[in-house]
Each structure stands twice: as structure tokens, then as C-alpha cells.
């Protein structure tokens, strides 16, 4: 599943960008992202948002 996060090169180092990427991957993998999206959309729609 593809989840993208844009990070400003001026504000974040490469290491900080890598850490944010790892965090996003982790919350997608453990279901947290689905739970968050489900607060604002129906669960089926939220699941489609996380499907490539």
C-alpha cells in the first residue's frame, strides 16, 4: 500500500525524513492509519485509501 508524505528539505534532514517514513509505514502496518481515516470516512472508503 502506498502512503505518501511530503517533507520540506529546508525543515527536515534526510535522517528525519527517513524516520517519518518509517513511522508512517509502522502506523499503516499496525492499523492506526486505518483507524484514524475511519474517523473521517466510512471504514470501506478508508480502507480503499490505503489500497494501491
Protein backbone atom coordinates (compact mmCIF):
# COMPACT_ATOMS: atom_id res chain seq x y z
CA UNK A 1 0.00 0.00 0.00
CA UNK A 2 1.28 3.42 -0.87
CA UNK A 3 1.11 6.25 1.62
CA UNK A 4 2.96 9.43 0.79
CA UNK A 5 4.23 12.21 3.00
CA UNK A 6 5.85 15.35 1.63
CA UNK A 7 8.63 16.75 3.80
CA UNK A 8 10.41 20.05 3.23
CA UNK A 9 14.17 19.66 2.63
CA UNK A 10 14.65 23.01 4.38
CA UNK A 11 12.96 21.85 7.58
CA UNK A 12 13.93 18.18 7.82
CA UNK A 13 17.23 16.36 7.42
CA UNK A 14 17.49 13.14 5.40
CA UNK A 15 17.56 11.20 8.67
CA UNK A 16 14.43 12.94 9.98
CA UNK A 17 12.69 12.25 6.66
CA UNK A 18 13.67 8.58 6.93
CA UNK A 19 12.31 8.44 10.49
CA UNK A 20 9.00 9.98 9.42
CA UNK A 21 8.76 7.47 6.57
CA UNK A 22 9.34 4.60 8.98
CA UNK A 23 6.70 5.98 11.34
CA UNK A 24 4.12 6.22 8.56
CA UNK A 25 4.88 2.65 7.44
CA UNK A 26 4.51 1.46 11.05
CA UNK A 27 1.12 3.12 11.63
CA UNK A 28 -0.17 1.73 8.35
CA UNK A 29 1.07 -1.76 9.27
CA UNK A 30 -0.40 -1.75 12.78
CA UNK A 31 -3.82 -0.43 11.69
CA UNK A 32 -3.53 3.00 13.30
CA UNK A 33 -3.81 4.81 9.95
CA UNK A 34 -7.00 2.90 9.09
CA UNK A 35 -8.45 3.78 12.50
CA UNK A 36 -7.61 7.46 12.01
CA UNK A 37 -9.02 7.60 8.48
CA UNK A 38 -12.15 5.76 9.66
CA UNK A 39 -12.95 8.70 11.94
CA UNK A 40 -13.50 10.87 8.85
CA UNK A 41 -14.71 8.36 6.25
CA UNK A 42 -16.64 5.11 6.27
CA UNK A 43 -14.38 2.15 7.01
CA UNK A 44 -14.64 0.73 3.47
CA UNK A 45 -13.70 4.10 1.97
CA UNK A 46 -10.83 4.47 4.46
CA UNK A 47 -9.53 1.01 3.53
CA UNK A 48 -9.62 1.94 -0.17
CA UNK A 49 -7.48 4.99 0.63
CA UNK A 50 -4.78 2.61 1.82
CA UNK A 51 -5.05 0.23 -1.14
CA UNK A 52 -2.59 0.80 -4.00
